[in-house]
Every structure is written in C-alpha cells, then in structure tokens.
PDB file of all heavy atoms in Angstrom:
ATOM      1  N   LEU A   1       0.835  -1.193   0.016  1.00  0.00           N
ATOM      2  CA  LEU A   1       0.007  -0.011  -0.004  1.00  0.00           C
ATOM      3  C   LEU A   1       0.859   1.236  -0.007  1.00  0.00           C
ATOM      4  O   LEU A   1       0.554   2.263  -0.654  1.00  0.00           O
ATOM      5  CB  LEU A   1      -0.912  -0.034   1.217  1.00  0.00           C
ATOM      6  CG  LEU A   1      -1.922   1.131   1.333  1.00  0.00           C
ATOM      7  CD1 LEU A   1      -2.802   1.198   0.085  1.00  0.00           C
ATOM      8  CD2 LEU A   1      -2.800   0.997   2.595  1.00  0.00           C
ATOM      9  N   ALA A   2       2.011   1.191   0.729  1.00  0.00           N
ATOM     10  CA  ALA A   2       2.907   2.360   0.751  1.00  0.00           C
ATOM     11  C   ALA A   2       3.454   2.701  -0.625  1.00  0.00           C
ATOM     12  O   ALA A   2       3.754   3.888  -0.908  1.00  0.00           O
ATOM     13  CB  ALA A   2       4.045   2.075   1.709  1.00  0.00           C
ATOM     14  N   ASP A   3       3.517   1.703  -1.545  1.00  0.00           N
ATOM     15  CA  ASP A   3       4.000   1.991  -2.903  1.00  0.00           C
ATOM     16  C   ASP A   3       2.887   2.685  -3.747  1.00  0.00           C
ATOM     17  O   ASP A   3       3.175   3.307  -4.726  1.00  0.00           O
ATOM     18  CB  ASP A   3       4.365   0.696  -3.615  1.00  0.00           C
ATOM     19  CG  ASP A   3       5.679   0.104  -3.050  1.00  0.00           C
ATOM     20  OD1 ASP A   3       6.375   0.875  -2.407  1.00  0.00           O
ATOM     21  OD2 ASP A   3       5.906  -1.096  -3.251  1.00  0.00           O
ATOM     22  N   PHE A   4       1.637   2.443  -3.365  1.00  0.00           N
ATOM     23  CA  PHE A   4       0.536   2.981  -4.139  1.00  0.00           C
ATOM     24  C   PHE A   4      -0.037   4.297  -3.553  1.00  0.00           C
ATOM     25  O   PHE A   4      -0.543   5.133  -4.285  1.00  0.00           O
ATOM     26  CB  PHE A   4      -0.606   1.954  -4.259  1.00  0.00           C
ATOM     27  CG  PHE A   4      -0.262   0.820  -5.195  1.00  0.00           C
ATOM     28  CD1 PHE A   4       0.288  -0.366  -4.694  1.00  0.00           C
ATOM     29  CD2 PHE A   4      -0.427   0.956  -6.553  1.00  0.00           C
ATOM     30  CE1 PHE A   4       0.622  -1.399  -5.567  1.00  0.00           C
ATOM     31  CE2 PHE A   4      -0.087  -0.075  -7.445  1.00  0.00           C
ATOM     32  CZ  PHE A   4       0.440  -1.261  -6.923  1.00  0.00           C
ATOM     33  N   TYR A   5       0.051   4.448  -2.262  1.00  0.00           N
ATOM     34  CA  TYR A   5      -0.375   5.695  -1.599  1.00  0.00           C
ATOM     35  C   TYR A   5       0.857   6.454  -1.191  1.00  0.00           C
ATOM     36  O   TYR A   5       1.283   6.421  -0.030  1.00  0.00           O
ATOM     37  CB  TYR A   5      -1.226   5.338  -0.350  1.00  0.00           C
ATOM     38  CG  TYR A   5      -2.713   5.371  -0.560  1.00  0.00           C
ATOM     39  CD1 TYR A   5      -3.583   4.891   0.426  1.00  0.00           C
ATOM     40  CD2 TYR A   5      -3.264   5.869  -1.705  1.00  0.00           C
ATOM     41  CE1 TYR A   5      -4.951   4.909   0.274  1.00  0.00           C
ATOM     42  CE2 TYR A   5      -4.648   5.910  -1.879  1.00  0.00           C
ATOM     43  CZ  TYR A   5      -5.487   5.418  -0.898  1.00  0.00           C
ATOM     44  OH  TYR A   5      -6.840   5.444  -1.102  1.00  0.00           O
ATOM     45  N   CYS A   6       1.485   7.123  -2.131  1.00  0.00           N
ATOM     46  CA  CYS A   6       2.664   7.949  -1.762  1.00  0.00           C
ATOM     47  C   CYS A   6       2.665   9.196  -2.699  1.00  0.00           C
ATOM     48  O   CYS A   6       1.922   9.265  -3.677  1.00  0.00           O
ATOM     49  CB  CYS A   6       3.975   7.156  -1.928  1.00  0.00           C
ATOM     50  SG  CYS A   6       4.203   6.522  -3.557  1.00  0.00           S
ATOM     51  N   LEU A   7       3.533  10.166  -2.331  1.00  0.00           N
ATOM     52  CA  LEU A   7       3.516  11.422  -3.135  1.00  0.00           C
ATOM     53  C   LEU A   7       4.040  11.207  -4.524  1.00  0.00           C
ATOM     54  O   LEU A   7       3.719  11.924  -5.460  1.00  0.00           O
ATOM     55  CB  LEU A   7       4.389  12.485  -2.396  1.00  0.00           C
ATOM     56  CG  LEU A   7       3.755  12.979  -1.077  1.00  0.00           C
ATOM     57  CD1 LEU A   7       4.718  13.881  -0.334  1.00  0.00           C
ATOM     58  CD2 LEU A   7       2.426  13.681  -1.299  1.00  0.00           C
ATOM     59  N   GLU A   8       4.890  10.163  -4.747  1.00  0.00           N
ATOM     60  CA  GLU A   8       5.462   9.956  -6.089  1.00  0.00           C
ATOM     61  C   GLU A   8       4.333   9.648  -7.100  1.00  0.00           C
ATOM     62  O   GLU A   8       4.478   9.977  -8.294  1.00  0.00           O
ATOM     63  CB  GLU A   8       6.415   8.722  -6.080  1.00  0.00           C
ATOM     64  CG  GLU A   8       7.784   9.017  -5.508  1.00  0.00           C
ATOM     65  CD  GLU A   8       7.791   9.036  -4.008  1.00  0.00           C
ATOM     66  OE1 GLU A   8       7.305   8.083  -3.383  1.00  0.00           O
ATOM     67  OE2 GLU A   8       8.225  10.076  -3.438  1.00  0.00           O
ATOM     68  N   VAL A   9       3.228   9.026  -6.704  1.00  0.00           N
ATOM     69  CA  VAL A   9       2.219   8.645  -7.682  1.00  0.00           C
ATOM     70  C   VAL A   9       1.502   9.895  -8.253  1.00  0.00           C
ATOM     71  O   VAL A   9       0.708   9.769  -9.195  1.00  0.00           O
ATOM     72  CB  VAL A   9       1.154   7.658  -7.111  1.00  0.00           C
ATOM     73  CG1 VAL A   9       1.811   6.395  -6.594  1.00  0.00           C
ATOM     74  CG2 VAL A   9       0.322   8.300  -6.046  1.00  0.00           C
ATOM     75  N   LEU A  10       1.737  11.032  -7.612  1.00  0.00           N
ATOM     76  CA  LEU A  10       1.042  12.273  -8.152  1.00  0.00           C
ATOM     77  C   LEU A  10       1.804  12.815  -9.397  1.00  0.00           C
ATOM     78  O   LEU A  10       1.306  13.730 -10.010  1.00  0.00           O
ATOM     79  CB  LEU A  10       0.998  13.317  -7.058  1.00  0.00           C
ATOM     80  CG  LEU A  10       0.222  12.848  -5.777  1.00  0.00           C
ATOM     81  CD1 LEU A  10       0.223  13.940  -4.734  1.00  0.00           C
ATOM     82  CD2 LEU A  10      -1.229  12.532  -6.118  1.00  0.00           C
ATOM     83  N   LYS A  11       3.013  12.223  -9.694  1.00  0.00           N
ATOM     84  CA  LYS A  11       3.723  12.724 -10.879  1.00  0.00           C
ATOM     85  C   LYS A  11       3.054  12.121 -12.104  1.00  0.00           C
ATOM     86  O   LYS A  11       2.672  10.960 -12.107  1.00  0.00           O
ATOM     87  CB  LYS A  11       5.226  12.302 -10.813  1.00  0.00           C
ATOM     88  CG  LYS A  11       5.931  12.982  -9.673  1.00  0.00           C
ATOM     89  CD  LYS A  11       7.358  12.403  -9.567  1.00  0.00           C
ATOM     90  CE  LYS A  11       8.038  12.922  -8.335  1.00  0.00           C
ATOM     91  NZ  LYS A  11       9.203  12.096  -7.956  1.00  0.00           N
ATOM     92  N   GLU A  12       2.999  12.914 -13.191  1.00  0.00           N
ATOM     93  CA  GLU A  12       2.346  12.491 -14.411  1.00  0.00           C
ATOM     94  C   GLU A  12       3.036  11.254 -15.030  1.00  0.00           C
ATOM     95  O   GLU A  12       2.405  10.465 -15.713  1.00  0.00           O
ATOM     96  CB  GLU A  12       2.316  13.585 -15.477  1.00  0.00           C
ATOM     97  CG  GLU A  12       1.565  14.836 -15.034  1.00  0.00           C
ATOM     98  CD  GLU A  12       0.053  14.722 -15.219  1.00  0.00           C
ATOM     99  OE1 GLU A  12      -0.350  14.071 -16.171  1.00  0.00           O
ATOM    100  OE2 GLU A  12      -0.691  15.260 -14.392  1.00  0.00           O
ATOM    101  N   ASP A  13       4.364  11.115 -14.815  1.00  0.00           N
ATOM    102  CA  ASP A  13       5.051  10.014 -15.513  1.00  0.00           C
ATOM    103  C   ASP A  13       5.438   8.905 -14.548  1.00  0.00           C
ATOM    104  O   ASP A  13       6.331   8.129 -14.833  1.00  0.00           O
ATOM    105  CB  ASP A  13       6.341  10.603 -16.177  1.00  0.00           C
ATOM    106  CG  ASP A  13       7.263  11.260 -15.157  1.00  0.00           C
ATOM    107  OD1 ASP A  13       6.798  11.477 -14.016  1.00  0.00           O
ATOM    108  OD2 ASP A  13       8.436  11.575 -15.484  1.00  0.00           O
ATOM    109  N   HIS A  14       4.716   8.787 -13.453  1.00  0.00           N
ATOM    110  CA  HIS A  14       5.061   7.758 -12.448  1.00  0.00           C
ATOM    111  C   HIS A  14       4.786   6.387 -13.005  1.00  0.00           C
ATOM    112  O   HIS A  14       3.739   6.113 -13.596  1.00  0.00           O
ATOM    113  CB  HIS A  14       4.231   7.965 -11.165  1.00  0.00           C
ATOM    114  CG  HIS A  14       4.488   6.895 -10.115  1.00  0.00           C
ATOM    115  ND1 HIS A  14       5.680   6.835  -9.418  1.00  0.00           N
ATOM    116  CD2 HIS A  14       3.744   5.841  -9.737  1.00  0.00           C
ATOM    117  CE1 HIS A  14       5.645   5.783  -8.613  1.00  0.00           C
ATOM    118  NE2 HIS A  14       4.470   5.177  -8.800  1.00  0.00           N
ATOM    119  N   LYS A  15       5.762   5.445 -12.786  1.00  0.00           N
ATOM    120  CA  LYS A  15       5.603   4.058 -13.295  1.00  0.00           C
ATOM    121  C   LYS A  15       5.431   3.139 -12.024  1.00  0.00           C
ATOM    122  O   LYS A  15       6.185   3.217 -11.090  1.00  0.00           O
ATOM    123  CB  LYS A  15       6.822   3.642 -14.051  1.00  0.00           C
ATOM    124  CG  LYS A  15       6.988   4.405 -15.401  1.00  0.00           C
ATOM    125  CD  LYS A  15       8.233   3.914 -16.144  1.00  0.00           C
ATOM    126  CE  LYS A  15       8.304   4.492 -17.532  1.00  0.00           C
ATOM    127  NZ  LYS A  15       8.420   5.937 -17.553  1.00  0.00           N
ATOM    128  N   TYR A  16       4.438   2.259 -12.122  1.00  0.00           N
ATOM    129  CA  TYR A  16       4.159   1.356 -10.989  1.00  0.00           C
ATOM    130  C   TYR A  16       5.023   0.078 -11.111  1.00  0.00           C
ATOM    131  O   TYR A  16       5.083  -0.675 -10.157  1.00  0.00           O
ATOM    132  CB  TYR A  16       2.673   0.946 -10.994  1.00  0.00           C
ATOM    133  CG  TYR A  16       1.777   2.085 -10.590  1.00  0.00           C
ATOM    134  CD1 TYR A  16       1.060   2.803 -11.539  1.00  0.00           C
ATOM    135  CD2 TYR A  16       1.660   2.503  -9.297  1.00  0.00           C
ATOM    136  CE1 TYR A  16       0.222   3.824 -11.196  1.00  0.00           C
ATOM    137  CE2 TYR A  16       0.848   3.518  -8.903  1.00  0.00           C
ATOM    138  CZ  TYR A  16       0.116   4.198  -9.872  1.00  0.00           C
ATOM    139  OH  TYR A  16      -0.710   5.230  -9.503  1.00  0.00           O
ATOM    140  N   SER A  17       5.575  -0.212 -12.292  1.00  0.00           N
ATOM    141  CA  SER A  17       6.426  -1.395 -12.396  1.00  0.00           C
ATOM    142  C   SER A  17       7.641  -1.048 -13.268  1.00  0.00           C
ATOM    143  O   SER A  17       7.656  -0.035 -13.951  1.00  0.00           O
ATOM    144  CB  SER A  17       5.608  -2.521 -13.120  1.00  0.00           C
ATOM    145  OG  SER A  17       5.217  -2.118 -14.418  1.00  0.00           O
ATOM    146  N   GLU A  18       8.654  -1.862 -13.164  1.00  0.00           N
ATOM    147  CA  GLU A  18       9.967  -1.553 -13.808  1.00  0.00           C
ATOM    148  C   GLU A  18       9.764  -1.388 -15.308  1.00  0.00           C
ATOM    149  O   GLU A  18      10.381  -0.515 -15.940  1.00  0.00           O
ATOM    150  CB  GLU A  18      10.967  -2.668 -13.483  1.00  0.00           C
ATOM    151  CG  GLU A  18      11.583  -2.554 -12.146  1.00  0.00           C
ATOM    152  CD  GLU A  18      12.506  -3.684 -11.844  1.00  0.00           C
ATOM    153  OE1 GLU A  18      13.086  -4.253 -12.820  1.00  0.00           O
ATOM    154  OE2 GLU A  18      12.698  -4.034 -10.675  1.00  0.00           O
ATOM    155  N   SER A  19       8.934  -2.237 -15.926  1.00  0.00           N
ATOM    156  CA  SER A  19       8.799  -2.168 -17.375  1.00  0.00           C
ATOM    157  C   SER A  19       8.043  -0.905 -17.795  1.00  0.00           C
ATOM    158  O   SER A  19       8.100  -0.525 -18.981  1.00  0.00           O
ATOM    159  CB  SER A  19       8.087  -3.420 -17.892  1.00  0.00           C
ATOM    160  OG  SER A  19       6.756  -3.411 -17.363  1.00  0.00           O
ATOM    161  N   GLY A  20       7.277  -0.315 -16.863  1.00  0.00           N
ATOM    162  CA  GLY A  20       6.546   0.891 -17.194  1.00  0.00           C
ATOM    163  C   GLY A  20       5.221   0.611 -17.888  1.00  0.00           C
ATOM    164  O   GLY A  20       4.605   1.534 -18.458  1.00  0.00           O
ATOM    165  N   ILE A  21       4.779  -0.677 -17.936  1.00  0.00           N
ATOM    166  CA  ILE A  21       3.496  -0.950 -18.582  1.00  0.00           C
ATOM    167  C   ILE A  21       2.365  -0.318 -17.777  1.00  0.00           C
ATOM    168  O   ILE A  21       1.450   0.270 -18.329  1.00  0.00           O
ATOM    169  CB  ILE A  21       3.261  -2.502 -18.622  1.00  0.00           C
ATOM    170  CG1 ILE A  21       4.323  -3.188 -19.493  1.00  0.00           C
ATOM    171  CG2 ILE A  21       1.865  -2.831 -19.162  1.00  0.00           C
ATOM    172  CD1 ILE A  21       4.301  -4.707 -19.444  1.00  0.00           C
ATOM    173  N   TYR A  22       2.470  -0.413 -16.478  1.00  0.00           N
ATOM    174  CA  TYR A  22       1.484   0.199 -15.570  1.00  0.00           C
ATOM    175  C   TYR A  22       1.992   1.561 -15.137  1.00  0.00           C
ATOM    176  O   TYR A  22       3.034   1.630 -14.469  1.00  0.00           O
ATOM    177  CB  TYR A  22       1.193  -0.682 -14.364  1.00  0.00           C
ATOM    178  CG  TYR A  22       0.715  -2.046 -14.750  1.00  0.00           C
ATOM    179  CD1 TYR A  22       1.626  -3.113 -14.948  1.00  0.00           C
ATOM    180  CD2 TYR A  22      -0.636  -2.321 -14.983  1.00  0.00           C
ATOM    181  CE1 TYR A  22       1.185  -4.368 -15.354  1.00  0.00           C
ATOM    182  CE2 TYR A  22      -1.082  -3.579 -15.372  1.00  0.00           C
ATOM    183  CZ  TYR A  22      -0.141  -4.592 -15.542  1.00  0.00           C
ATOM    184  OH  TYR A  22      -0.586  -5.843 -15.965  1.00  0.00           O
ATOM    185  N   HIS A  23       1.354   2.623 -15.532  1.00  0.00           N
ATOM    186  CA  HIS A  23       1.873   3.963 -15.232  1.00  0.00           C
ATOM    187  C   HIS A  23       0.734   4.934 -15.047  1.00  0.00           C
ATOM    188  O   HIS A  23      -0.454   4.651 -15.394  1.00  0.00           O
ATOM    189  CB  HIS A  23       2.812   4.458 -16.383  1.00  0.00           C
ATOM    190  CG  HIS A  23       2.122   4.473 -17.709  1.00  0.00           C
ATOM    191  ND1 HIS A  23       1.316   5.491 -18.106  1.00  0.00           N
ATOM    192  CD2 HIS A  23       2.126   3.576 -18.715  1.00  0.00           C
ATOM    193  CE1 HIS A  23       0.852   5.256 -19.296  1.00  0.00           C
ATOM    194  NE2 HIS A  23       1.321   4.082 -19.743  1.00  0.00           N
ATOM    195  N   GLN A  24       1.043   6.117 -14.513  1.00  0.00           N
ATOM    196  CA  GLN A  24       0.013   7.160 -14.348  1.00  0.00           C
ATOM    197  C   GLN A  24      -0.336   7.736 -15.713  1.00  0.00           C
ATOM    198  O   GLN A  24       0.521   7.763 -16.603  1.00  0.00           O
ATOM    199  CB  GLN A  24       0.557   8.289 -13.470  1.00  0.00           C
ATOM    200  CG  GLN A  24       0.327   8.128 -12.002  1.00  0.00           C
ATOM    201  CD  GLN A  24      -1.131   8.101 -11.608  1.00  0.00           C
ATOM    202  OE1 GLN A  24      -2.048   8.183 -12.442  1.00  0.00           O
ATOM    203  NE2 GLN A  24      -1.390   7.915 -10.317  1.00  0.00           N
ATOM    204  N   ILE A  25      -1.531   8.221 -15.885  1.00  0.00           N
ATOM    205  CA  ILE A  25      -1.858   8.950 -17.141  1.00  0.00           C
ATOM    206  C   ILE A  25      -2.282  10.361 -16.770  1.00  0.00           C
ATOM    207  O   ILE A  25      -2.702  10.643 -15.635  1.00  0.00           O
ATOM    208  CB  ILE A  25      -2.958   8.214 -17.975  1.00  0.00           C
ATOM    209  CG1 ILE A  25      -4.332   8.209 -17.286  1.00  0.00           C
ATOM    210  CG2 ILE A  25      -2.557   6.788 -18.251  1.00  0.00           C
ATOM    211  CD1 ILE A  25      -5.391   7.650 -18.197  1.00  0.00           C
ATOM    212  N   PRO A  26      -2.166  11.321 -17.723  1.00  0.00           N
ATOM    213  CA  PRO A  26      -2.416  12.733 -17.356  1.00  0.00           C
ATOM    214  C   PRO A  26      -3.786  12.977 -16.769  1.00  0.00           C
ATOM    215  O   PRO A  26      -4.755  12.288 -17.137  1.00  0.00           O
ATOM    216  CB  PRO A  26      -2.295  13.443 -18.724  1.00  0.00           C
ATOM    217  CG  PRO A  26      -1.475  12.502 -19.607  1.00  0.00           C
ATOM    218  CD  PRO A  26      -1.768  11.147 -19.123  1.00  0.00           C
ATOM    219  N   THR A  27      -3.835  13.917 -15.851  1.00  0.00           N
ATOM    220  CA  THR A  27      -5.133  14.145 -15.134  1.00  0.00           C
ATOM    221  C   THR A  27      -6.126  14.831 -16.057  1.00  0.00           C
ATOM    222  O   THR A  27      -7.297  14.962 -15.734  1.00  0.00           O
ATOM    223  CB  THR A  27      -4.921  15.115 -13.922  1.00  0.00           C
ATOM    224  OG1 THR A  27      -4.129  16.199 -14.329  1.00  0.00           O
ATOM    225  CG2 THR A  27      -4.249  14.361 -12.826  1.00  0.00           C
TER     226      THR A  27
END
C-alpha cells in the first residue's frame, strides 16, 4: 500500500512497475 499511496504517484510520468506498462496517465 505504501507503494501505491505515496507522493510519487502524483507525478504524471510515475511508473508502477519496472517495465513501465502500468503507469500514471495525465489528469
């Protein structure tokens, strides 16, 4: 949960996995 609820996820280009398949998309 700490990886998903953190300030980094507010960045537009944040990647949830190393390959970058799962990433944030613009608001």
